[in-house]
Amino acid sequence: MFQVSVPPISIFATIICLTLPFLPPILSLQSAVNVWPKPRLVSWPKPLARSLSTNFTINSPYHQNLQPAISRYLRLFRTEHHHPLITPSVNVSTSSPHLQTLSIDISDPAAPLQHGVNETYSLSISEEGETANLTAETAWGAMRGLETFSQLVWGNPSVVPVGLYIWDAPLFAHRGVMLDTSRNYYGVEDILRTIEAMSANKLNVFHWHVTDSHSFPLMVPSEPELAAKGAYGPDMIYSPSDVAKIVQFGLEHGVRVLPEIDSP
C-alpha cells in the first residue's frame, strides 16, 4: 500500500477558487471605462462613445515639463489604436461630431514637483461638442489626467467614451519604487523604462539607491576615484549627464527622482 503526496494548497487560494464561480460579473470588463489605478469617482450613466478625430489636438498653457508629456500622449492617442481583450459593450455614435480637442486648464502651473503636491484632476467628455476638458490644480495633476484619457481611447479608428465625468486624487502623497543600483547595476535606459512604467501607473517617486558599500557607480567630478575604484566596472558608472537625463525624464513623466547616496 502506498500514498500519493499532493502539494498543499493554501487556504486563501482554495477560498478564491471556490468563490470565483459565485462572484458577480465585473462591470469594468463590459465597459470602456477600465482605468488603472481606479479613479475615486467615475460617472458614466449611458454607455456611449464617439470617434476621435484623426487631427485630434491638446490645448494647454505652457509648462516646460508638461509640453513633452503632451507631445508623448498626443502621439499615443493618434497611433496606438488599442484593442481591448473584451470588446466594450457601448453604442458608438455616428451622428455626433468627432472629438477634436482636449483642453487643459491648470490653476497653479508654477507648483513644483515635491512631496504633497496637489495631483487632483477632473476629466469631462460631453456627448456633444468637439472639446473635452481636463482641469487640474497643477501640471502634475494634468499628467495624471492625460494618462487617464489615454486609457480611455481604443479601437481603429479610435473612439472614446462620452457623457463621462472622472474626478481623481491620490490616496497617498508618496507612491514610489526603490531601485538599488549599488547591489545590482542597471543601465540608464533600464532606469528610464522603469520611470515610464511608473508614470503609466501614476506613481510619483523614484527612490534611487545609487550607492552603497557594494559598489559606487556614481561619478563625482570632484572625487573621480570613488567611481573609478568603487564601480563594478568602467562601463557601470553613471556620469553627471546620465543623472541629469534621468532627473529630467522623471520630471517629464511626473516622477520625482529621490537619490540616496550611502558611503562605505
Protein backbone atom coordinates (compact mmCIF):
# COMPACT_ATOMS: atom_id res chain seq x y z
CA MET A 1 0.00 0.00 0.00
CA PHE A 2 1.32 3.40 -0.93
CA GLN A 3 0.22 7.03 -0.70
CA VAL A 4 0.47 9.77 -3.29
CA SER A 5 1.72 13.04 -1.84
CA VAL A 6 -0.09 16.11 -3.17
CA PRO A 7 1.47 19.55 -2.53
CA PRO A 8 -0.74 21.51 -0.12
CA ILE A 9 -2.80 24.38 -1.49
CA SER A 10 -3.11 27.45 0.66
CA ILE A 11 -6.42 28.09 2.34
CA PHE A 12 -6.58 31.51 0.68
CA ALA A 13 -6.14 30.06 -2.82
CA THR A 14 -8.77 27.42 -2.09
CA ILE A 15 -11.29 30.03 -0.98
CA ILE A 16 -10.64 32.11 -4.11
CA CYS A 17 -11.11 29.09 -6.38
CA LEU A 18 -14.36 28.11 -4.67
CA THR A 19 -15.85 31.60 -4.68
CA LEU A 20 -14.94 32.68 -8.20
CA PRO A 21 -17.97 30.98 -9.82
CA PHE A 22 -20.29 32.88 -7.47
CA LEU A 23 -18.84 36.35 -7.99
CA PRO A 24 -20.99 38.88 -9.89
CA PRO A 25 -19.82 39.85 -13.37
CA ILE A 26 -17.13 42.54 -13.39
CA LEU A 27 -18.62 45.70 -14.81
CA SER A 28 -15.30 47.12 -15.97
CA LEU A 29 -14.81 44.21 -18.35
CA GLN A 30 -18.11 45.05 -20.02
CA SER A 31 -17.47 48.74 -20.47
CA ALA A 32 -14.91 51.11 -21.94
CA VAL A 33 -14.09 52.68 -18.57
CA ASN A 34 -11.35 50.44 -17.29
CA VAL A 35 -8.83 52.92 -15.92
CA TRP A 36 -5.86 51.96 -13.78
CA PRO A 37 -5.45 52.89 -10.99
CA LYS A 38 -9.18 53.10 -10.39
CA PRO A 39 -10.29 56.77 -10.12
CA ARG A 40 -12.03 57.98 -6.97
CA LEU A 41 -15.15 59.00 -8.91
CA VAL A 42 -16.44 57.83 -12.30
CA SER A 43 -19.81 58.91 -13.66
CA TRP A 44 -20.88 57.38 -16.97
CA PRO A 45 -24.66 56.97 -16.89
CA LYS A 46 -25.01 55.82 -20.50
CA PRO A 47 -22.55 53.53 -22.37
CA LEU A 48 -21.90 55.91 -25.26
CA ALA A 49 -18.78 56.60 -27.28
CA ARG A 50 -17.79 58.59 -30.34
CA SER A 51 -14.87 58.85 -32.70
CA LEU A 52 -11.65 60.67 -32.00
CA SER A 53 -10.60 62.98 -34.82
CA THR A 54 -7.53 61.97 -36.80
CA ASN A 55 -6.40 65.59 -36.25
CA PHE A 56 -7.02 65.48 -32.51
CA THR A 57 -5.08 68.15 -30.61
CA ILE A 58 -4.37 69.16 -27.00
CA ASN A 59 -4.54 72.80 -25.86
CA SER A 60 -2.71 73.70 -22.68
CA PRO A 61 -0.89 76.60 -21.01
CA TYR A 62 2.86 76.33 -21.49
CA HIS A 63 4.80 74.33 -18.93
CA GLN A 64 8.34 73.14 -19.64
CA ASN A 65 7.75 69.64 -18.26
CA LEU A 66 4.14 69.26 -19.35
CA GLN A 67 4.81 70.05 -23.03
CA PRO A 68 6.91 66.88 -23.62
CA ALA A 69 4.19 64.86 -21.87
CA ILE A 70 1.54 66.39 -24.14
CA SER A 71 3.56 65.51 -27.24
CA ARG A 72 4.07 61.97 -25.96
CA TYR A 73 0.40 61.38 -25.19
CA LEU A 74 -0.79 63.04 -28.40
CA ARG A 75 1.36 60.62 -30.37
CA LEU A 76 -0.10 57.77 -28.31
CA PHE A 77 -3.71 58.90 -28.89
CA ARG A 78 -3.18 59.05 -32.63
CA THR A 79 -1.19 55.88 -33.22
CA GLU A 80 -1.72 53.24 -30.53
CA HIS A 81 -5.20 52.00 -31.60
CA HIS A 82 -5.52 49.78 -28.55
CA HIS A 83 -7.83 46.78 -28.89
CA PRO A 84 -9.24 45.53 -25.56
CA LEU A 85 -9.28 41.79 -24.95
CA ILE A 86 -13.04 42.11 -24.44
CA THR A 87 -14.86 44.44 -26.80
CA PRO A 88 -16.65 47.14 -24.77
CA SER A 89 -20.45 46.95 -24.83
CA VAL A 90 -21.09 50.55 -25.90
CA ASN A 91 -23.03 52.40 -28.55
CA VAL A 92 -20.69 54.32 -30.84
CA SER A 93 -22.44 57.41 -32.18
CA THR A 94 -22.13 58.02 -35.91
CA SER A 95 -24.09 61.28 -35.86
CA SER A 96 -22.11 63.21 -33.24
CA PRO A 97 -19.08 65.21 -34.42
CA HIS A 98 -15.66 63.71 -33.85
CA LEU A 99 -13.85 64.79 -30.70
CA GLN A 100 -11.30 67.36 -31.88
CA THR A 101 -9.59 68.76 -28.80
CA LEU A 102 -8.64 68.12 -25.20
CA SER A 103 -8.46 71.45 -23.39
CA ILE A 104 -6.28 71.56 -20.26
CA ASP A 105 -6.76 74.17 -17.54
CA ILE A 106 -4.22 74.42 -14.69
CA SER A 107 -4.80 76.55 -11.58
CA ASP A 108 -1.20 76.63 -10.29
CA PRO A 109 1.26 75.93 -13.13
CA ALA A 110 4.24 77.09 -11.03
CA ALA A 111 3.79 74.38 -8.35
CA PRO A 112 6.99 72.28 -8.15
CA LEU A 113 7.03 68.50 -8.08
CA GLN A 114 7.53 67.90 -4.37
CA HIS A 115 6.07 65.80 -1.58
CA GLY A 116 2.42 66.64 -1.06
CA VAL A 117 1.94 68.47 -4.36
CA ASN A 118 -1.70 68.60 -5.44
CA GLU A 119 -2.29 65.96 -8.15
CA THR A 120 -6.07 66.32 -8.27
CA TYR A 121 -7.73 66.46 -11.68
CA SER A 122 -11.14 66.17 -13.29
CA LEU A 123 -11.93 65.00 -16.81
CA SER A 124 -15.17 65.74 -18.61
CA ILE A 125 -16.10 64.40 -22.06
CA SER A 126 -19.55 65.53 -23.14
CA GLU A 127 -21.88 63.76 -25.55
CA GLU A 128 -21.95 66.82 -27.82
CA GLY A 129 -19.37 69.39 -28.77
CA GLU A 130 -15.87 68.92 -30.10
CA THR A 131 -13.87 69.58 -26.92
CA ALA A 132 -13.14 67.52 -23.80
CA ASN A 133 -11.97 69.32 -20.67
CA LEU A 134 -9.20 68.37 -18.26
CA THR A 135 -8.92 70.56 -15.17
CA ALA A 136 -6.08 70.22 -12.68
CA GLU A 137 -4.58 72.17 -9.82
CA THR A 138 -1.02 71.60 -11.08
CA ALA A 139 0.85 70.36 -14.14
CA TRP A 140 1.46 67.10 -12.28
CA GLY A 141 -2.27 66.55 -11.85
CA ALA A 142 -2.69 67.29 -15.55
CA MET A 143 -0.21 64.49 -16.33
CA ARG A 144 -2.33 62.06 -14.30
CA GLY A 145 -5.39 63.18 -16.26
CA LEU A 146 -3.57 62.67 -19.56
CA GLU A 147 -2.73 59.13 -18.52
CA THR A 148 -6.39 58.51 -17.69
CA PHE A 149 -7.54 59.91 -21.04
CA SER A 150 -5.01 57.71 -22.86
CA GLN A 151 -6.51 54.61 -21.24
CA LEU A 152 -10.00 55.59 -22.40
CA VAL A 153 -9.11 55.66 -26.12
CA TRP A 154 -9.42 52.42 -28.04
CA GLY A 155 -10.05 50.93 -31.48
CA ASN A 156 -9.10 51.68 -35.07
CA PRO A 157 -10.43 54.21 -35.90
CA SER A 158 -10.11 55.46 -32.35
CA VAL A 159 -13.17 56.07 -30.17
CA VAL A 160 -13.59 57.46 -26.67
CA PRO A 161 -16.39 57.24 -24.06
CA VAL A 162 -18.65 60.32 -23.90
CA GLY A 163 -21.10 61.60 -21.33
CA LEU A 164 -18.26 60.78 -18.94
CA TYR A 165 -17.00 62.58 -15.84
CA ILE A 166 -13.98 61.47 -13.80
CA TRP A 167 -12.59 63.07 -10.65
CA ASP A 168 -9.46 61.69 -9.09
CA ALA A 169 -6.90 62.42 -6.39
CA PRO A 170 -4.24 60.12 -4.93
CA LEU A 171 -4.86 58.42 -1.62
CA PHE A 172 -1.14 58.58 -0.79
CA ALA A 173 1.21 61.51 -1.38
CA HIS A 174 4.23 59.21 -1.73
CA ARG A 175 3.74 56.43 -4.29
CA GLY A 176 7.14 55.09 -5.16
CA VAL A 177 9.53 52.43 -6.32
CA MET A 178 13.02 51.90 -4.90
CA LEU A 179 15.81 50.66 -7.16
CA ASP A 180 19.17 49.66 -5.66
CA THR A 181 21.87 50.20 -8.29
CA SER A 182 24.66 49.62 -5.80
CA ARG A 183 23.98 45.92 -5.40
CA ASN A 184 22.77 45.46 -8.99
CA TYR A 185 23.76 47.90 -11.70
CA TYR A 186 21.05 48.92 -14.18
CA GLY A 187 21.78 50.88 -17.34
CA VAL A 188 20.30 54.32 -17.93
CA GLU A 189 17.79 53.03 -20.49
CA ASP A 190 16.54 50.45 -17.98
CA ILE A 191 16.02 53.21 -15.41
CA LEU A 192 14.15 55.37 -17.93
CA ARG A 193 11.93 52.43 -18.84
CA THR A 194 11.17 51.92 -15.14
CA ILE A 195 10.21 55.59 -14.71
CA GLU A 196 7.99 55.38 -17.79
CA ALA A 197 6.17 52.37 -16.33
CA MET A 198 5.79 54.21 -13.02
CA SER A 199 4.15 57.14 -14.79
CA ALA A 200 1.70 54.80 -16.53
CA ASN A 201 0.67 53.59 -13.06
CA LYS A 202 0.56 57.15 -11.63
CA LEU A 203 3.45 56.56 -9.23
CA ASN A 204 5.39 59.70 -8.39
CA VAL A 205 8.66 58.94 -6.56
CA PHE A 206 11.65 57.06 -7.96
CA HIS A 207 13.79 56.28 -4.91
CA TRP A 208 17.21 55.75 -6.48
CA HIS A 209 19.53 53.97 -4.06
CA VAL A 210 22.55 54.92 -6.14
CA THR A 211 25.49 53.85 -4.00
CA ASP A 212 26.36 51.71 -1.01
CA SER A 213 29.22 49.54 0.28
CA HIS A 214 28.69 47.05 -2.55
CA SER A 215 29.60 49.47 -5.32
CA PHE A 216 29.88 53.20 -6.01
CA PRO A 217 28.69 53.66 -9.60
CA LEU A 218 28.19 57.43 -9.37
CA MET A 219 30.77 59.67 -11.00
CA VAL A 220 31.54 62.59 -8.68
CA PRO A 221 33.66 65.08 -10.65
CA SER A 222 35.43 66.34 -7.50
CA GLU A 223 36.27 62.77 -6.42
CA PRO A 224 36.64 60.67 -9.60
CA GLU A 225 38.41 57.84 -7.79
CA LEU A 226 35.20 56.89 -5.97
CA ALA A 227 33.64 55.56 -9.17
CA ALA A 228 36.90 54.51 -10.78
CA LYS A 229 37.67 52.14 -7.92
CA GLY A 230 34.20 51.62 -6.46
CA ALA A 231 32.11 50.68 -9.51
CA TYR A 232 31.72 47.09 -10.69
CA GLY A 233 33.35 48.09 -13.97
CA PRO A 234 34.23 51.09 -16.14
CA ASP A 235 31.03 50.59 -18.14
CA MET A 236 28.89 50.56 -14.98
CA ILE A 237 29.16 54.21 -13.98
CA TYR A 238 26.54 56.99 -14.01
CA SER A 239 28.00 60.23 -15.32
CA PRO A 240 26.65 63.69 -14.37
CA SER A 241 24.92 63.85 -17.76
CA ASP A 242 23.30 60.46 -17.08
CA VAL A 243 21.94 61.74 -13.78
CA ALA A 244 20.65 64.95 -15.39
CA LYS A 245 18.94 62.90 -18.11
CA ILE A 246 17.22 60.64 -15.56
CA VAL A 247 16.05 63.57 -13.42
CA GLN A 248 14.67 65.46 -16.44
CA PHE A 249 12.99 62.34 -17.81
CA GLY A 250 11.35 61.90 -14.41
CA LEU A 251 10.02 65.46 -14.40
CA GLU A 252 8.54 64.99 -17.87
CA HIS A 253 6.70 61.91 -16.55
CA GLY A 254 5.58 63.40 -13.23
CA VAL A 255 8.06 61.28 -11.28
CA ARG A 256 10.37 62.85 -8.69
CA VAL A 257 13.85 61.31 -8.58
CA LEU A 258 14.93 60.94 -4.96
CA PRO A 259 18.61 59.88 -4.84
CA GLU A 260 20.11 58.11 -1.85
CA ILE A 261 23.90 58.15 -1.65
CA ASP A 262 25.45 55.90 1.01
CA SER A 263 29.18 55.70 1.61
CA PRO A 264 31.20 52.63 2.60
